[in-house]
Amino acid sequence: MVAGLAAACCLAGLQCAQADALAYTSYYVLDQKRALDFYVGQLGMVERQRITPSAGVTEIVLGFDKNPGTPGILLMHKADRTAPYQIGDGFSRTIITVADIKATMQRLTQAGVPVVRQPTEVASLKLTYAMVRDPDGYLIEFIQTN
């Protein structure tokens, strides 16, 4: 309950004093190039690092800057995988803050990214949010605080 309240306060633009912070969201992708085209090409993330923890497995560390201390996304890829992954019912979404949600959504729409929700204002939280799906079907939410 307290964590949920703290998250809601942070999303509403209030001061958040926490020692712990989100590091990465991690999930498997079927096609590295397609995933990178979306996260780097469409969302503007940068590749921070590639790790090969075992033969045929690649971890691609992404973020909005090169700083490894800021949150990001970790894309997992198995070279021998041919079937699409099933998104588990326990996964909800990855949330990204943006400065101009309308411009972000316009650019993604023009690029053919599937839109789940157009920008929607939530006055009580002083924010606007919108949602798209990445190439593997994962839900990405964008938030702009008002």
N, C-alpha and C. Protein backbone atom coordinates (compact mmCIF):
# COMPACT_ATOMS: atom_id res chain seq x y z
N MET A 1 0.82 -1.20 0.00
CA MET A 1 0.00 0.00 0.00
C MET A 1 0.86 1.25 0.00
N VAL A 2 1.87 1.30 0.88
CA VAL A 2 2.73 2.47 0.96
C VAL A 2 3.50 2.65 -0.34
N ALA A 3 4.01 1.55 -0.91
CA ALA A 3 4.76 1.64 -2.17
C ALA A 3 3.86 2.18 -3.28
N GLY A 4 2.61 1.72 -3.33
CA GLY A 4 1.68 2.20 -4.34
C GLY A 4 1.40 3.68 -4.18
N LEU A 5 1.26 4.12 -2.95
CA LEU A 5 1.03 5.53 -2.68
C LEU A 5 2.25 6.35 -3.06
N ALA A 6 3.43 5.85 -2.75
CA ALA A 6 4.66 6.55 -3.12
C ALA A 6 4.78 6.66 -4.63
N ALA A 7 4.44 5.60 -5.34
CA ALA A 7 4.50 5.63 -6.80
C ALA A 7 3.50 6.64 -7.35
N ALA A 8 2.30 6.68 -6.80
CA ALA A 8 1.29 7.63 -7.26
C ALA A 8 1.75 9.06 -7.00
N CYS A 9 2.38 9.30 -5.87
CA CYS A 9 2.89 10.64 -5.57
C CYS A 9 3.98 11.03 -6.55
N CYS A 10 4.88 10.10 -6.85
CA CYS A 10 5.95 10.39 -7.80
C CYS A 10 5.37 10.69 -9.17
N LEU A 11 4.39 9.91 -9.59
CA LEU A 11 3.78 10.12 -10.89
C LEU A 11 3.06 11.47 -10.95
N ALA A 12 2.57 11.91 -9.83
CA ALA A 12 1.87 13.19 -9.79
C ALA A 12 2.84 14.37 -9.69
N GLY A 13 4.13 14.09 -9.72
CA GLY A 13 5.13 15.16 -9.72
C GLY A 13 5.52 15.64 -8.33
N LEU A 14 5.13 14.91 -7.30
CA LEU A 14 5.49 15.30 -5.94
C LEU A 14 6.89 14.78 -5.62
N GLN A 15 7.51 15.36 -4.61
CA GLN A 15 8.85 14.94 -4.23
C GLN A 15 8.81 13.49 -3.74
N CYS A 16 9.81 12.72 -4.16
CA CYS A 16 9.93 11.32 -3.76
C CYS A 16 11.29 11.13 -3.11
N ALA A 17 11.29 10.80 -1.84
CA ALA A 17 12.54 10.56 -1.14
C ALA A 17 12.62 9.07 -0.82
N GLN A 18 13.35 8.34 -1.66
CA GLN A 18 13.49 6.90 -1.45
C GLN A 18 14.94 6.52 -1.63
N ALA A 19 15.40 5.60 -0.82
CA ALA A 19 16.76 5.09 -1.00
C ALA A 19 16.79 4.09 -2.15
N ASP A 20 15.71 3.35 -2.33
CA ASP A 20 15.64 2.36 -3.39
C ASP A 20 14.99 2.98 -4.62
N ALA A 21 15.37 2.49 -5.79
CA ALA A 21 14.80 3.03 -7.02
C ALA A 21 14.75 1.92 -8.07
N LEU A 22 13.86 2.07 -9.02
CA LEU A 22 13.77 1.13 -10.13
C LEU A 22 15.06 1.16 -10.92
N ALA A 23 15.59 0.00 -11.27
CA ALA A 23 16.80 -0.07 -12.08
C ALA A 23 16.44 -0.38 -13.54
N TYR A 24 15.83 -1.53 -13.78
CA TYR A 24 15.51 -1.94 -15.14
C TYR A 24 14.23 -2.76 -15.17
N THR A 25 13.54 -2.69 -16.30
CA THR A 25 12.50 -3.65 -16.64
C THR A 25 13.17 -4.59 -17.62
N SER A 26 13.00 -5.90 -17.45
CA SER A 26 13.66 -6.87 -18.33
C SER A 26 12.64 -7.83 -18.90
N TYR A 27 12.77 -8.09 -20.22
CA TYR A 27 11.94 -9.10 -20.84
C TYR A 27 12.57 -9.61 -22.11
N TYR A 28 12.09 -10.77 -22.53
CA TYR A 28 12.61 -11.42 -23.73
C TYR A 28 11.98 -10.83 -24.98
N VAL A 29 12.80 -10.71 -26.03
CA VAL A 29 12.31 -10.27 -27.34
C VAL A 29 12.73 -11.32 -28.36
N LEU A 30 11.91 -11.49 -29.38
CA LEU A 30 12.17 -12.49 -30.40
C LEU A 30 13.21 -12.02 -31.42
N ASP A 31 13.13 -10.76 -31.81
CA ASP A 31 13.97 -10.21 -32.88
C ASP A 31 14.71 -8.97 -32.35
N GLN A 32 16.02 -9.11 -32.14
CA GLN A 32 16.81 -8.00 -31.60
C GLN A 32 16.71 -6.73 -32.43
N LYS A 33 16.83 -6.87 -33.74
CA LYS A 33 16.82 -5.70 -34.63
C LYS A 33 15.49 -4.97 -34.54
N ARG A 34 14.41 -5.72 -34.60
CA ARG A 34 13.08 -5.11 -34.53
C ARG A 34 12.88 -4.39 -33.19
N ALA A 35 13.33 -5.02 -32.10
CA ALA A 35 13.20 -4.41 -30.78
C ALA A 35 14.05 -3.14 -30.69
N LEU A 36 15.29 -3.19 -31.21
CA LEU A 36 16.16 -2.01 -31.17
C LEU A 36 15.64 -0.90 -32.07
N ASP A 37 15.06 -1.26 -33.21
CA ASP A 37 14.45 -0.25 -34.07
C ASP A 37 13.38 0.52 -33.30
N PHE A 38 12.62 -0.18 -32.46
CA PHE A 38 11.57 0.47 -31.68
C PHE A 38 12.17 1.29 -30.53
N TYR A 39 12.93 0.64 -29.64
CA TYR A 39 13.41 1.31 -28.43
C TYR A 39 14.46 2.39 -28.72
N VAL A 40 15.37 2.13 -29.64
CA VAL A 40 16.40 3.12 -29.98
C VAL A 40 15.89 4.06 -31.07
N GLY A 41 15.37 3.49 -32.16
CA GLY A 41 14.93 4.29 -33.29
C GLY A 41 13.69 5.11 -33.05
N GLN A 42 12.69 4.53 -32.39
CA GLN A 42 11.42 5.24 -32.17
C GLN A 42 11.34 5.97 -30.83
N LEU A 43 11.83 5.34 -29.76
CA LEU A 43 11.71 5.97 -28.44
C LEU A 43 12.92 6.82 -28.08
N GLY A 44 14.03 6.67 -28.80
CA GLY A 44 15.21 7.49 -28.55
C GLY A 44 16.13 7.01 -27.45
N MET A 45 16.00 5.74 -27.05
CA MET A 45 16.92 5.20 -26.06
C MET A 45 18.28 4.96 -26.70
N VAL A 46 19.30 4.78 -25.86
CA VAL A 46 20.64 4.45 -26.32
C VAL A 46 21.04 3.09 -25.76
N GLU A 47 21.87 2.41 -26.52
CA GLU A 47 22.37 1.12 -26.04
C GLU A 47 23.53 1.38 -25.09
N ARG A 48 23.39 0.90 -23.86
CA ARG A 48 24.42 1.10 -22.85
C ARG A 48 25.47 -0.02 -22.87
N GLN A 49 25.00 -1.24 -23.10
CA GLN A 49 25.91 -2.37 -22.98
C GLN A 49 25.25 -3.62 -23.54
N ARG A 50 26.08 -4.56 -24.01
CA ARG A 50 25.61 -5.89 -24.38
C ARG A 50 26.37 -6.89 -23.54
N ILE A 51 25.64 -7.85 -23.01
CA ILE A 51 26.22 -8.87 -22.14
C ILE A 51 25.84 -10.22 -22.72
N THR A 52 26.77 -11.16 -22.71
CA THR A 52 26.48 -12.53 -23.14
C THR A 52 26.71 -13.43 -21.93
N PRO A 53 25.68 -13.63 -21.10
CA PRO A 53 25.85 -14.42 -19.88
C PRO A 53 26.08 -15.90 -20.15
N SER A 54 25.61 -16.39 -21.30
CA SER A 54 25.83 -17.78 -21.69
C SER A 54 25.71 -17.87 -23.21
N ALA A 55 26.17 -18.98 -23.77
CA ALA A 55 26.15 -19.16 -25.23
C ALA A 55 24.72 -19.01 -25.75
N GLY A 56 24.55 -18.16 -26.76
CA GLY A 56 23.25 -17.99 -27.40
C GLY A 56 22.30 -17.05 -26.69
N VAL A 57 22.72 -16.47 -25.57
CA VAL A 57 21.87 -15.54 -24.83
C VAL A 57 22.55 -14.17 -24.81
N THR A 58 21.80 -13.15 -25.22
CA THR A 58 22.32 -11.79 -25.21
C THR A 58 21.40 -10.92 -24.36
N GLU A 59 22.00 -10.07 -23.55
CA GLU A 59 21.27 -9.06 -22.79
C GLU A 59 21.68 -7.71 -23.36
N ILE A 60 20.71 -6.92 -23.77
CA ILE A 60 20.98 -5.59 -24.33
C ILE A 60 20.43 -4.57 -23.34
N VAL A 61 21.32 -3.78 -22.77
CA VAL A 61 20.96 -2.80 -21.75
C VAL A 61 20.72 -1.46 -22.43
N LEU A 62 19.52 -0.91 -22.26
CA LEU A 62 19.12 0.36 -22.88
C LEU A 62 18.73 1.37 -21.82
N GLY A 63 18.85 2.64 -22.16
CA GLY A 63 18.39 3.72 -21.30
C GLY A 63 18.26 4.98 -22.12
N PHE A 64 17.77 6.04 -21.51
CA PHE A 64 17.64 7.31 -22.22
C PHE A 64 18.93 8.11 -22.19
N ASP A 65 19.93 7.60 -21.49
CA ASP A 65 21.26 8.20 -21.50
C ASP A 65 22.26 7.07 -21.26
N LYS A 66 23.53 7.39 -21.30
CA LYS A 66 24.57 6.38 -21.11
C LYS A 66 24.84 6.06 -19.64
N ASN A 67 24.22 6.79 -18.73
CA ASN A 67 24.46 6.63 -17.30
C ASN A 67 23.87 5.32 -16.79
N PRO A 68 24.72 4.37 -16.37
CA PRO A 68 24.19 3.09 -15.88
C PRO A 68 23.43 3.19 -14.57
N GLY A 69 23.49 4.35 -13.92
CA GLY A 69 22.79 4.53 -12.66
C GLY A 69 21.34 4.99 -12.81
N THR A 70 20.92 5.25 -14.05
CA THR A 70 19.54 5.67 -14.27
C THR A 70 18.73 4.48 -14.79
N PRO A 71 17.42 4.46 -14.56
CA PRO A 71 16.59 3.33 -14.98
C PRO A 71 16.64 3.08 -16.48
N GLY A 72 16.37 1.84 -16.85
CA GLY A 72 16.37 1.48 -18.26
C GLY A 72 15.61 0.20 -18.52
N ILE A 73 15.85 -0.34 -19.70
CA ILE A 73 15.21 -1.59 -20.12
C ILE A 73 16.31 -2.58 -20.48
N LEU A 74 16.13 -3.81 -20.09
CA LEU A 74 17.06 -4.89 -20.41
C LEU A 74 16.33 -5.86 -21.33
N LEU A 75 16.77 -5.91 -22.59
CA LEU A 75 16.16 -6.82 -23.55
C LEU A 75 16.94 -8.12 -23.56
N MET A 76 16.25 -9.22 -23.33
CA MET A 76 16.86 -10.55 -23.33
C MET A 76 16.57 -11.20 -24.67
N HIS A 77 17.59 -11.83 -25.26
CA HIS A 77 17.40 -12.50 -26.55
C HIS A 77 18.08 -13.86 -26.55
N LYS A 78 17.33 -14.87 -26.93
CA LYS A 78 17.88 -16.22 -27.10
C LYS A 78 17.99 -16.49 -28.58
N ALA A 79 19.22 -16.75 -29.05
CA ALA A 79 19.48 -16.90 -30.48
C ALA A 79 18.70 -18.04 -31.12
N ASP A 80 18.45 -19.10 -30.38
CA ASP A 80 17.78 -20.27 -30.97
C ASP A 80 16.25 -20.22 -30.85
N ARG A 81 15.72 -19.16 -30.33
CA ARG A 81 14.26 -19.03 -30.16
C ARG A 81 13.62 -18.66 -31.50
N THR A 82 12.57 -19.38 -31.90
CA THR A 82 11.87 -19.07 -33.15
C THR A 82 10.40 -18.73 -32.93
N ALA A 83 9.84 -19.13 -31.81
CA ALA A 83 8.42 -18.87 -31.53
C ALA A 83 8.28 -17.58 -30.71
N PRO A 84 7.26 -16.77 -31.01
CA PRO A 84 7.03 -15.56 -30.22
C PRO A 84 6.80 -15.89 -28.74
N TYR A 85 7.18 -14.99 -27.87
CA TYR A 85 6.96 -15.16 -26.44
C TYR A 85 5.51 -14.84 -26.11
N GLN A 86 4.98 -15.52 -25.11
CA GLN A 86 3.66 -15.23 -24.59
C GLN A 86 3.84 -14.25 -23.44
N ILE A 87 3.15 -13.13 -23.50
CA ILE A 87 3.25 -12.14 -22.43
C ILE A 87 2.43 -12.65 -21.25
N GLY A 88 3.09 -12.79 -20.12
CA GLY A 88 2.44 -13.33 -18.93
C GLY A 88 1.37 -12.41 -18.39
N ASP A 89 0.39 -12.98 -17.73
CA ASP A 89 -0.69 -12.16 -17.19
C ASP A 89 -0.27 -11.40 -15.94
N GLY A 90 0.95 -11.61 -15.47
CA GLY A 90 1.45 -10.86 -14.33
C GLY A 90 2.16 -9.57 -14.75
N PHE A 91 2.50 -9.45 -16.03
CA PHE A 91 3.17 -8.24 -16.52
C PHE A 91 2.12 -7.19 -16.81
N SER A 92 2.38 -5.98 -16.40
CA SER A 92 1.45 -4.90 -16.67
C SER A 92 1.99 -4.01 -17.78
N ARG A 93 3.03 -3.22 -17.50
CA ARG A 93 3.54 -2.30 -18.51
C ARG A 93 4.85 -1.67 -18.02
N THR A 94 5.55 -1.08 -18.95
CA THR A 94 6.71 -0.25 -18.65
C THR A 94 6.25 1.19 -18.78
N ILE A 95 6.61 2.03 -17.82
CA ILE A 95 6.16 3.42 -17.79
C ILE A 95 7.35 4.34 -18.01
N ILE A 96 7.18 5.26 -18.97
CA ILE A 96 8.24 6.21 -19.34
C ILE A 96 7.68 7.62 -19.24
N THR A 97 8.40 8.50 -18.55
CA THR A 97 7.98 9.90 -18.50
C THR A 97 8.49 10.62 -19.74
N VAL A 98 7.68 11.53 -20.28
CA VAL A 98 8.05 12.32 -21.46
C VAL A 98 7.69 13.78 -21.21
N ALA A 99 8.39 14.67 -21.93
CA ALA A 99 8.13 16.11 -21.78
C ALA A 99 6.92 16.56 -22.60
N ASP A 100 6.70 15.95 -23.76
CA ASP A 100 5.61 16.35 -24.65
C ASP A 100 4.91 15.10 -25.17
N ILE A 101 3.88 14.69 -24.48
CA ILE A 101 3.20 13.43 -24.80
C ILE A 101 2.50 13.47 -26.16
N LYS A 102 1.94 14.62 -26.52
CA LYS A 102 1.25 14.72 -27.81
C LYS A 102 2.24 14.56 -28.96
N ALA A 103 3.42 15.19 -28.86
CA ALA A 103 4.44 15.06 -29.91
C ALA A 103 4.96 13.62 -29.96
N THR A 104 5.15 13.01 -28.80
CA THR A 104 5.62 11.62 -28.75
C THR A 104 4.62 10.70 -29.44
N MET A 105 3.36 10.85 -29.12
CA MET A 105 2.34 9.98 -29.71
C MET A 105 2.16 10.25 -31.20
N GLN A 106 2.27 11.49 -31.61
CA GLN A 106 2.16 11.81 -33.04
C GLN A 106 3.28 11.13 -33.82
N ARG A 107 4.51 11.22 -33.29
CA ARG A 107 5.65 10.61 -33.96
C ARG A 107 5.51 9.09 -34.03
N LEU A 108 5.07 8.46 -32.93
CA LEU A 108 4.90 7.01 -32.91
C LEU A 108 3.76 6.56 -33.82
N THR A 109 2.67 7.31 -33.84
CA THR A 109 1.55 7.00 -34.72
C THR A 109 1.97 7.07 -36.18
N GLN A 110 2.71 8.10 -36.53
CA GLN A 110 3.20 8.25 -37.90
C GLN A 110 4.15 7.12 -38.29
N ALA A 111 4.84 6.56 -37.31
CA ALA A 111 5.77 5.45 -37.57
C ALA A 111 5.05 4.10 -37.61
N GLY A 112 3.73 4.12 -37.38
CA GLY A 112 2.96 2.88 -37.45
C GLY A 112 2.95 2.07 -36.17
N VAL A 113 3.37 2.65 -35.05
CA VAL A 113 3.37 1.94 -33.77
C VAL A 113 1.91 1.79 -33.31
N PRO A 114 1.51 0.58 -32.90
CA PRO A 114 0.13 0.36 -32.46
C PRO A 114 -0.22 1.14 -31.19
N VAL A 115 -1.19 2.02 -31.29
CA VAL A 115 -1.63 2.85 -30.16
C VAL A 115 -2.75 2.12 -29.43
N VAL A 116 -2.60 2.02 -28.11
CA VAL A 116 -3.61 1.40 -27.26
C VAL A 116 -4.51 2.47 -26.65
N ARG A 117 -3.92 3.60 -26.25
CA ARG A 117 -4.70 4.71 -25.68
C ARG A 117 -4.04 6.02 -26.10
N GLN A 118 -4.85 6.89 -26.67
CA GLN A 118 -4.40 8.23 -27.02
C GLN A 118 -4.20 9.03 -25.73
N PRO A 119 -3.50 10.16 -25.76
CA PRO A 119 -3.29 10.94 -24.55
C PRO A 119 -4.60 11.21 -23.80
N THR A 120 -4.58 10.87 -22.52
CA THR A 120 -5.75 10.98 -21.65
C THR A 120 -5.33 11.72 -20.39
N GLU A 121 -6.00 12.80 -20.08
CA GLU A 121 -5.68 13.57 -18.89
C GLU A 121 -6.33 12.96 -17.66
N VAL A 122 -5.57 12.92 -16.56
CA VAL A 122 -6.08 12.51 -15.26
C VAL A 122 -5.85 13.70 -14.33
N ALA A 123 -6.85 14.57 -14.25
CA ALA A 123 -6.71 15.83 -13.51
C ALA A 123 -6.36 15.61 -12.04
N SER A 124 -6.94 14.59 -11.42
CA SER A 124 -6.70 14.36 -9.99
C SER A 124 -5.24 14.02 -9.70
N LEU A 125 -4.52 13.44 -10.68
CA LEU A 125 -3.10 13.12 -10.50
C LEU A 125 -2.18 14.14 -11.18
N LYS A 126 -2.79 15.12 -11.83
CA LYS A 126 -2.04 16.17 -12.55
C LYS A 126 -1.09 15.55 -13.58
N LEU A 127 -1.64 14.63 -14.39
CA LEU A 127 -0.83 14.01 -15.43
C LEU A 127 -1.67 13.63 -16.63
N THR A 128 -0.99 13.41 -17.74
CA THR A 128 -1.60 12.90 -18.96
C THR A 128 -0.84 11.65 -19.32
N TYR A 129 -1.56 10.60 -19.74
CA TYR A 129 -0.89 9.37 -20.11
C TYR A 129 -1.41 8.86 -21.44
N ALA A 130 -0.61 8.00 -22.06
CA ALA A 130 -0.96 7.36 -23.33
C ALA A 130 -0.24 6.02 -23.36
N MET A 131 -0.70 5.09 -24.22
CA MET A 131 -0.09 3.76 -24.28
C MET A 131 0.05 3.27 -25.71
N VAL A 132 1.15 2.53 -25.94
CA VAL A 132 1.40 1.87 -27.22
C VAL A 132 1.86 0.45 -26.93
N ARG A 133 1.98 -0.36 -27.99
CA ARG A 133 2.58 -1.69 -27.87
C ARG A 133 3.89 -1.70 -28.63
N ASP A 134 4.90 -2.35 -28.05
CA ASP A 134 6.17 -2.48 -28.75
C ASP A 134 6.06 -3.63 -29.75
N PRO A 135 7.10 -3.89 -30.55
CA PRO A 135 6.99 -4.93 -31.59
C PRO A 135 6.70 -6.34 -31.07
N ASP A 136 7.01 -6.61 -29.80
CA ASP A 136 6.72 -7.92 -29.23
C ASP A 136 5.39 -7.95 -28.48
N GLY A 137 4.67 -6.84 -28.48
CA GLY A 137 3.36 -6.80 -27.84
C GLY A 137 3.36 -6.27 -26.41
N TYR A 138 4.53 -5.90 -25.89
CA TYR A 138 4.57 -5.36 -24.53
C TYR A 138 3.95 -3.97 -24.50
N LEU A 139 3.25 -3.68 -23.43
CA LEU A 139 2.58 -2.39 -23.26
C LEU A 139 3.56 -1.36 -22.71
N ILE A 140 3.63 -0.21 -23.38
CA ILE A 140 4.48 0.90 -22.96
C ILE A 140 3.57 2.08 -22.68
N GLU A 141 3.66 2.61 -21.46
CA GLU A 141 2.85 3.77 -21.07
C GLU A 141 3.74 5.00 -20.99
N PHE A 142 3.27 6.12 -21.51
CA PHE A 142 3.98 7.39 -21.42
C PHE A 142 3.21 8.29 -20.50
N ILE A 143 3.93 9.01 -19.64
CA ILE A 143 3.32 9.93 -18.69
C ILE A 143 3.97 11.30 -18.82
N GLN A 144 3.11 12.33 -18.89
CA GLN A 144 3.57 13.71 -18.84
C GLN A 144 2.89 14.35 -17.66
N THR A 145 3.68 14.87 -16.71
CA THR A 145 3.07 15.54 -15.56
C THR A 145 2.71 16.96 -15.95
N ASN A 146 1.57 17.41 -15.48
CA ASN A 146 1.06 18.75 -15.84
C ASN A 146 1.54 19.80 -14.87
